[in-house]
Structure formats: C-alpha cells, structure tokens
Protein backbone atom coordinates (compact mmCIF):
# COMPACT_ATOMS: atom_id res chain seq x y z
CA MET A 1 0.00 0.00 0.00
CA MET A 2 2.73 2.43 -0.98
CA ALA A 3 0.42 5.37 -1.37
CA GLY A 4 1.80 8.86 -1.39
CA ALA A 5 5.23 8.20 -2.88
CA GLY A 6 6.65 11.43 -4.29
CA ASP A 7 7.06 10.06 -7.83
CA GLU A 8 3.57 8.55 -7.91
CA PRO A 9 0.93 11.01 -9.16
CA PHE A 10 -1.85 8.45 -8.70
CA PHE A 11 -2.26 5.28 -6.66
CA GLU A 12 -4.97 2.70 -7.43
CA GLY A 13 -6.43 1.73 -4.07
CA THR A 14 -8.95 -0.63 -5.66
CA GLU A 15 -7.90 -4.19 -4.92
CA LYS A 16 -7.91 -7.44 -6.80
CA LEU A 17 -9.09 -10.25 -4.51
CA LEU A 18 -8.33 -13.94 -4.99
CA GLU A 19 -9.59 -16.74 -2.75
CA VAL A 20 -8.74 -20.38 -3.44
CA TRP A 21 -10.00 -23.39 -1.47
CA PHE A 22 -7.97 -26.61 -1.73
CA SER A 23 -8.81 -30.26 -1.10
CA SER A 24 -7.29 -33.71 -1.38
CA THR A 25 -8.75 -36.34 -3.69
CA ILE A 26 -7.58 -39.08 -1.32
CA GLY A 27 -9.05 -37.36 1.74
CA ASP A 28 -5.74 -36.72 3.53
CA ASP A 29 -6.80 -34.57 6.50
CA SER A 30 -3.21 -33.95 7.62
CA LEU A 31 -2.46 -31.52 4.76
CA ASP A 32 -2.10 -27.89 5.80
CA LEU A 33 -1.20 -24.85 3.67
CA ARG A 34 0.47 -23.28 6.71
CA ASP A 35 3.21 -25.91 6.45
CA ILE A 36 4.48 -24.25 3.27
CA ASP A 37 7.73 -22.39 3.92
CA ARG A 38 7.56 -18.59 3.94
CA GLY A 39 10.24 -18.45 1.26
CA HIS A 40 7.83 -20.00 -1.26
CA TRP A 41 5.22 -17.34 -0.47
CA GLU A 42 7.86 -14.64 -0.96
CA THR A 43 8.76 -16.09 -4.36
CA LEU A 44 5.10 -16.12 -5.32
CA LEU A 45 4.60 -12.52 -4.23
CA ARG A 46 7.53 -11.31 -6.31
CA LEU A 47 5.55 -12.37 -9.39
CA VAL A 48 2.68 -10.24 -8.13
CA LYS A 49 4.99 -7.24 -7.51
CA CYS A 50 4.59 -6.98 -3.75
CA THR A 51 6.45 -8.02 -0.60
CA ILE A 52 5.74 -9.10 2.98
CA ILE A 53 5.96 -6.34 5.60
CA SER A 54 4.83 -8.24 8.69
CA MET A 55 3.16 -11.47 9.76
CA SER A 56 0.79 -12.48 12.56
CA ARG A 57 -0.86 -15.79 13.40
CA ASN A 58 -3.19 -17.61 15.72
CA GLU A 59 -4.22 -21.25 16.02
CA SER A 60 -6.10 -21.28 12.71
CA MET A 61 -4.67 -18.59 10.40
CA ASP A 62 -1.45 -16.95 9.23
CA ALA A 63 -1.92 -13.32 8.16
CA TYR A 64 0.54 -11.20 6.21
CA VAL A 65 0.51 -7.42 5.77
CA LEU A 66 1.95 -6.75 2.31
CA SER A 67 3.43 -3.73 0.61
CA GLU A 68 0.17 -3.76 -1.36
CA SER A 69 -2.59 -5.11 0.94
CA SER A 70 -2.77 -8.61 2.52
CA MET A 71 -2.48 -12.39 2.34
CA PHE A 72 -4.17 -14.99 4.55
CA VAL A 73 -3.42 -18.70 4.81
CA THR A 74 -5.47 -21.30 6.68
CA LYS A 75 -5.40 -25.08 6.59
CA ASP A 76 -7.16 -25.28 3.21
CA ARG A 77 -7.78 -21.68 2.03
CA PHE A 78 -5.50 -19.08 0.46
CA ILE A 79 -6.53 -15.40 0.18
CA LEU A 80 -4.51 -12.76 -1.64
CA LYS A 81 -5.65 -9.14 -1.87
CA THR A 82 -3.49 -6.64 -3.74
CA CYS A 83 -3.86 -3.01 -4.83
CA GLY A 84 -1.85 -0.64 -7.01
CA LYS A 85 -0.37 -2.03 -10.23
CA THR A 86 0.09 -5.56 -8.93
CA THR A 87 -0.32 -8.56 -11.23
CA LEU A 88 -2.32 -10.84 -8.96
CA LEU A 89 -3.52 -13.27 -11.64
CA LEU A 90 0.06 -14.21 -12.45
CA ALA A 91 0.14 -15.90 -9.04
CA ILE A 92 -2.46 -18.54 -9.75
CA LYS A 93 -0.50 -21.07 -11.81
CA PRO A 94 2.59 -21.02 -9.52
CA LEU A 95 0.29 -21.10 -6.49
CA LEU A 96 -1.25 -24.38 -7.67
CA GLU A 97 2.22 -25.79 -8.32
CA ILE A 98 3.60 -24.71 -4.93
CA VAL A 99 0.60 -26.08 -3.05
CA GLN A 100 0.77 -29.49 -4.73
CA LYS A 101 4.58 -29.81 -4.50
CA TYR A 102 5.15 -28.54 -0.97
CA CYS A 103 1.85 -29.33 0.73
CA GLY A 104 0.15 -32.16 -1.14
CA PHE A 105 -3.28 -30.74 -1.99
CA ASP A 106 -4.08 -32.01 -5.49
CA ASP A 107 -7.51 -30.48 -6.09
CA VAL A 108 -9.03 -27.00 -6.19
CA LYS A 109 -12.34 -27.01 -4.36
CA ASP A 110 -13.33 -23.48 -5.35
CA VAL A 111 -12.01 -20.17 -6.65
CA PHE A 112 -13.30 -16.63 -6.19
CA TYR A 113 -11.73 -13.69 -8.02
CA SER A 114 -13.37 -10.31 -7.60
CA ARG A 115 -12.76 -6.58 -7.84
CA LYS A 116 -14.48 -3.26 -8.22
CA LYS A 117 -14.02 -1.32 -11.46
CA PHE A 118 -10.63 0.41 -11.39
CA MET A 119 -10.41 4.19 -11.17
CA LYS A 120 -7.76 4.19 -13.92
CA PRO A 121 -7.70 0.80 -15.69
CA ASP A 122 -5.31 2.07 -18.37
CA GLN A 123 -2.55 2.24 -15.73
CA GLN A 124 -2.88 -1.46 -14.89
CA ASP A 125 -0.70 -4.21 -16.32
CA ARG A 126 -2.13 -5.53 -19.58
CA ILE A 127 -3.52 -8.67 -17.93
CA HIS A 128 -5.72 -6.58 -15.62
CA ARG A 129 -6.94 -3.71 -17.82
CA ASN A 130 -10.35 -5.22 -18.45
CA PHE A 131 -12.37 -8.01 -16.88
CA GLU A 132 -12.78 -9.90 -20.13
CA ASP A 133 -9.02 -10.43 -20.38
CA GLU A 134 -8.89 -11.47 -16.72
CA VAL A 135 -11.56 -14.08 -17.38
CA LEU A 136 -9.67 -15.42 -20.39
CA HIS A 137 -6.59 -15.87 -18.21
CA LEU A 138 -8.61 -17.65 -15.53
CA GLU A 139 -10.20 -19.94 -18.10
CA GLU A 140 -6.76 -21.11 -19.20
CA MET A 141 -6.44 -22.76 -15.77
CA PHE A 142 -10.04 -23.59 -14.83
CA GLU A 143 -12.42 -25.24 -17.27
CA THR A 144 -15.73 -24.74 -15.48
CA GLY A 145 -15.92 -21.12 -14.36
CA SER A 146 -18.58 -18.43 -14.53
CA ALA A 147 -18.11 -14.66 -14.71
CA TYR A 148 -20.50 -12.03 -13.35
CA SER A 149 -20.80 -8.23 -13.43
CA LEU A 150 -23.04 -6.49 -10.90
CA GLY A 151 -23.96 -2.82 -10.93
CA ARG A 152 -23.90 -0.25 -13.72
CA ILE A 153 -21.16 -1.11 -16.19
CA ASN A 154 -20.64 2.58 -17.00
CA ARG A 155 -20.22 3.45 -13.31
CA ASP A 156 -18.68 1.61 -10.35
CA CYS A 157 -19.61 -1.98 -11.13
CA TRP A 158 -18.20 -5.04 -9.41
CA TYR A 159 -16.86 -8.20 -11.07
CA LEU A 160 -16.73 -11.82 -9.95
CA TYR A 161 -15.34 -15.04 -11.36
CA THR A 162 -15.98 -18.35 -9.62
CA LEU A 163 -16.03 -22.05 -10.42
CA ASP A 164 -19.17 -23.98 -11.26
CA GLY A 165 -20.06 -27.11 -9.33
CA GLU A 166 -20.75 -27.73 -5.67
CA GLY A 167 -17.95 -25.59 -4.26
CA VAL A 168 -17.47 -24.93 -0.55
CA THR A 169 -20.11 -26.56 1.65
CA LYS A 170 -18.75 -25.71 5.11
CA PRO A 171 -20.08 -22.44 6.61
CA ASP A 172 -18.59 -19.54 4.66
CA GLN A 173 -19.36 -15.84 4.44
CA THR A 174 -17.62 -12.60 3.46
CA ILE A 175 -18.67 -8.96 3.74
CA GLU A 176 -16.88 -6.17 1.88
CA LEU A 177 -17.36 -2.41 2.02
CA LEU A 178 -15.44 -0.58 -0.69
CA MET A 179 -15.47 3.16 0.00
CA TRP A 180 -14.29 6.26 -1.81
CA ASP A 181 -14.69 10.08 -1.77
CA LEU A 182 -13.77 9.92 1.90
CA CYS A 183 -13.82 12.53 4.64
CA ARG A 184 -10.56 14.48 4.33
CA LYS A 185 -10.24 14.99 8.08
CA LYS A 186 -10.58 11.24 8.67
CA MET A 187 -8.04 10.48 5.98
CA GLU A 188 -5.45 12.83 7.52
CA ILE A 189 -5.15 10.34 10.39
CA PHE A 190 -3.49 7.92 7.97
CA THR A 191 -0.52 10.19 7.28
CA THR A 192 2.77 10.45 9.16
CA ASP A 193 2.02 14.15 9.71
CA VAL A 194 -0.80 13.20 12.11
CA SER A 195 -0.02 9.66 13.34
CA LYS A 196 3.36 8.34 14.46
CA ASP A 197 2.76 4.69 13.47
CA GLY A 198 0.12 2.09 12.66
CA ARG A 199 -0.96 1.59 16.26
CA ASP A 200 -1.46 5.35 16.68
CA ALA A 201 -3.56 5.55 13.50
CA THR A 202 -5.60 2.53 14.55
CA LYS A 203 -6.44 4.15 17.89
CA LYS A 204 -7.09 7.68 16.60
CA SER A 205 -9.37 6.48 13.81
CA GLY A 206 -11.41 4.09 15.98
CA ILE A 207 -10.54 1.07 13.83
CA CYS A 208 -9.81 -0.82 17.03
CA ASN A 209 -13.48 -0.49 18.02
CA ILE A 210 -15.07 -1.85 14.85
CA ILE A 211 -14.84 -5.46 16.08
CA PRO A 212 -13.59 -5.57 19.69
CA GLY A 213 -11.13 -8.27 20.71
CA VAL A 214 -9.35 -8.53 17.37
CA GLN A 215 -5.62 -9.36 17.32
CA ILE A 216 -4.36 -6.42 15.23
CA ASP A 217 -1.29 -6.17 13.02
CA ASP A 218 -1.19 -2.65 11.53
CA TYR A 219 1.18 -0.56 9.46
CA LEU A 220 1.36 3.15 8.54
CA PHE A 221 3.19 3.88 5.30
CA GLU A 222 5.50 6.84 4.69
CA PRO A 223 4.25 9.50 4.05
CA CYS A 224 0.71 8.10 4.00
CA GLY A 225 -1.35 4.96 3.55
CA TYR A 226 -2.42 2.26 6.01
CA SER A 227 -3.01 -1.48 6.16
CA MET A 228 -4.18 -3.78 8.93
CA ASN A 229 -5.05 -7.42 9.49
CA GLY A 230 -7.13 -8.47 12.46
CA LEU A 231 -7.36 -12.10 13.60
CA LEU A 232 -10.11 -13.81 15.54
CA PRO A 233 -10.55 -17.48 16.55
CA GLU A 234 -11.65 -20.20 14.12
CA GLY A 235 -10.20 -18.64 11.00
CA LYS A 236 -12.09 -15.35 11.22
CA TYR A 237 -10.42 -12.09 10.21
CA ILE A 238 -10.88 -8.47 9.23
CA THR A 239 -8.64 -6.50 6.92
CA ILE A 240 -8.62 -2.78 6.14
CA HIS A 241 -6.60 -0.89 3.54
CA ILE A 242 -6.51 2.87 3.10
CA THR A 243 -5.33 5.17 0.32
CA PRO A 244 -5.93 8.60 1.91
CA GLU A 245 -4.86 11.09 -0.78
CA PRO A 246 -7.46 13.70 -1.80
CA GLY A 247 -8.70 13.10 -5.32
CA TYR A 248 -8.45 9.32 -5.19
CA SER A 249 -9.07 8.39 -1.55
CA TYR A 250 -10.15 4.79 -1.07
CA VAL A 251 -10.82 2.44 1.84
CA SER A 252 -11.63 -1.26 1.78
CA PHE A 253 -13.05 -3.25 4.68
CA GLU A 254 -13.38 -7.03 4.48
CA SER A 255 -14.33 -9.68 7.02
CA ASN A 256 -15.57 -13.26 7.18
CA VAL A 257 -17.09 -12.86 10.67
CA PRO A 258 -20.47 -14.67 10.62
CA GLN A 259 -23.49 -12.63 11.68
CA GLU A 260 -27.20 -13.04 11.15
CA SER A 261 -27.37 -9.30 10.44
CA TYR A 262 -24.52 -7.06 9.35
CA ASN A 263 -26.40 -3.79 9.85
CA GLU A 264 -24.61 -2.80 13.06
CA LEU A 265 -21.19 -3.68 11.67
CA ILE A 266 -21.87 -1.69 8.49
CA ASN A 267 -22.85 1.35 10.54
CA ARG A 268 -19.66 1.15 12.62
CA VAL A 269 -17.51 1.00 9.49
CA LEU A 270 -19.32 3.94 7.90
CA ASP A 271 -19.05 6.02 11.07
CA THR A 272 -15.32 5.29 11.20
CA PHE A 273 -14.53 6.44 7.65
CA ARG A 274 -17.45 8.62 6.48
CA PRO A 275 -17.18 7.89 2.73
CA GLY A 276 -19.06 9.82 0.08
CA LYS A 277 -19.88 6.56 -1.74
CA PHE A 278 -19.60 2.90 -0.93
CA LEU A 279 -20.16 -0.46 -2.54
CA LEU A 280 -21.34 -3.33 -0.34
CA THR A 281 -21.14 -7.04 -1.11
CA ILE A 282 -22.15 -9.95 1.10
CA PHE A 283 -21.45 -13.60 0.27
CA ALA A 284 -22.99 -16.33 2.38
CA ASN A 285 -23.57 -19.98 1.65
CA LYS A 286 -26.43 -22.16 2.86
CA ALA A 287 -24.45 -23.52 5.81
CA SER A 288 -23.67 -20.04 7.19
CA ILE A 289 -25.70 -18.24 9.86
CA ALA A 290 -25.34 -15.21 7.56
CA ARG A 291 -27.35 -16.92 4.80
CA GLU A 292 -30.37 -14.65 5.41
CA SER A 293 -28.40 -11.48 6.16
CA HIS A 294 -29.09 -10.11 2.68
CA LYS A 295 -32.74 -9.59 3.64
CA GLY A 296 -31.72 -6.87 6.07
CA ILE A 297 -30.11 -5.02 3.15
CA GLU A 298 -32.81 -5.61 0.54
CA ASP A 299 -35.41 -3.90 2.70
CA LYS A 300 -33.34 -0.73 3.20
CA ARG A 301 -33.32 2.17 0.75
CA THR A 302 -31.10 4.08 3.16
CA ILE A 303 -28.28 3.02 5.48
CA ASN A 304 -26.78 5.48 7.96
CA ASN A 305 -28.19 8.40 5.91
CA TYR A 306 -26.77 7.01 2.65
CA ASN A 307 -29.16 6.51 -0.25
CA ARG A 308 -29.22 3.28 -2.20
CA GLN A 309 -28.57 3.73 -5.93
CA ASP A 310 -28.30 0.09 -7.03
CA HIS A 311 -29.15 -3.28 -5.56
CA GLN A 312 -28.75 -6.72 -7.10
CA THR A 313 -28.76 -10.29 -5.85
CA CYS A 314 -27.28 -13.40 -7.39
CA VAL A 315 -27.69 -17.04 -6.38
CA PHE A 316 -25.11 -19.59 -7.50
CA LYS A 317 -23.94 -22.96 -6.17
CA GLU A 318 -24.43 -22.89 -2.40
CA TYR A 319 -24.07 -19.09 -2.18
CA HIS A 320 -26.27 -16.02 -2.07
CA LEU A 321 -24.55 -12.81 -3.18
CA THR A 322 -25.86 -9.31 -2.44
CA TYR A 323 -24.52 -6.18 -4.15
CA SER A 324 -25.57 -2.65 -3.15
CA TYR A 325 -24.26 0.79 -4.03
CA PHE A 326 -24.91 3.80 -1.80
CA THR A 327 -24.12 7.52 -1.98
CA ARG A 328 -24.28 10.27 0.63
CA PRO A 329 -26.68 13.11 -0.22
CA VAL A 330 -24.99 16.37 -1.18
CA ILE A 331 -25.95 19.04 1.36
C-alpha cells in the first residue's frame, strides 16, 4: 500500500481479490497450507509485484501485511488481496504448483476472483486492464468457471469469477465495504504528519473499536497509507486498507465474521470512515448463519443516511450474493 510516494501522481487503491480453497482427492486430513515455507510465499509474491511487511498468526490462520494489501493462509484456504499495479492473476499457476509440490493438496475445491471497477484501468498491467481479459486468463487454468458483473457497467460496477459445481459446503461468508470520496479529516489520520505509526492511527481512527477483541497487526506507510489485518478465533479475520490522498481516496473493509445481520457492523464502518460513496457485497452460503443477512439489506433504501442507488442479488452454487451501491446526499 505504498500510497503517497513522491514520484507517484496516482495510486490505485482498488484491490484485486483472490480466494482459493484446496482439497485432497484421497481425503488426507493432515495436509495444511500453513506448512508451506515462507520463502515459497515470498517467491510467489515477487511475481505479483509486492512483498511481505509483517506477519501475525493464531491457532487457525497466518496473516501477512503486504506492501500492497494482505495475504491470509489457513489449513485449506489461500486469500490474496493486492492493490496498485500488482499482477495478482500471475500468481495462480505457480500457487497451484507450490501447493501441490510442498503441501500435497491435489484439487481446487473453489475459486473466487473479484474486484471493483478500477479508477484508472489504463494504468494497470495488460492482464488486468479489463475483466474480459482477466476471465480469459482464468479460463486457461479452470475449465468450469462463470463470470459475473453487478452494478452499472458505465459506473462503479463489481466483477466476480468463480467455479461452477458444488464448491465450498462448510459455513462460509464474506462482507466487503469498498469506500471512496472519503472525509478528508478522517483520511489525515493515515498520514505520518498526524499519526506516528500504525498503532497510533488505529487508535485515533477508531478502527480498534469496529470489532472488539481482534488481534491487530497494523502498518502506517510513509508518508501516508495504512493497512491492517485483524485475527479472531476459528479462521475469522478483518482486513482494512486505506489510500488517503485527496482526489483518489479509497478504503476497503473485508471480514468473514459470521453474523445473522450485518447492519450494526456496516454502521460502525461507515461512522469510522465517512465515505461519500460505498459499494457493499455480502457472500454467504447455505451452511452459514449469515445466509439470510441479505434480507436486512434488501429492505433498506437508506443506510446510515446514505441513499441506495443500485441493488442486485445473485444465487449460485451454495451461495447467495448481495450487491448494493450507496451515496451520501450532497448538502
């Protein structure tokens, strides 16, 4: 998240998000992605054009703060989220090779690749400049995938690619709030002019209060920009990434914490960052207690004084996906 570098007139805060679930065709329950040596992850990340800054862990997850966002590794799931001009899709083929060679998983249970529309797609590497090319690259490795676009294609739409078939059947859920046009005063907290380090920015902004009890690993970039990973038991996490510069400010919040309703959590995130616009997505499969959480969004034309502009739902495999786009009224 190297926002604010003096030779960088623009930084793309919008992330590319990859999630891969692995399995064993022979049912070997001893396999664990966390057994893979850190050096192999570092080699993989060099292809993506980012590096590891710090690492935290608990009994069920290893979490890495990267120079451009985050990486999470559990027993059978790999998550990589990168911003800027990173080439995330170039990681997939070597990822599959590393996992089979150094861990033993020989099957991909499911894949999710998603992102919001870039602010400046022309500045991306050629592989990422449009979603159609990204899908073509994914289809070279996966034969049974489906691609979706939600929202207005001439505005801030959101893209998803995932595999067909049964997919993940254990409880699974993810909520994302992607926010931009942010409050300038709030964004000043994430500069070295106002905060001395990541911990100071976390406290001043109130990020530490969004989900109490989280094990936080945070980092404040020079001269501005912020990333954090927060770990909870049983493989649950939150991650926040902030590009604070006026003109292209951007904040992403992501978590897989299961809740029957996400309304209170959404309000806390919005109160913390005060965006002008935000895009909300909620994934939940049939086994999750969050499987009906979309109903609390569908019934609301306003959230925390933001007006809903778009709302779509999509049902595929075991999952229900909700997409909503909100804007703050101009006063």
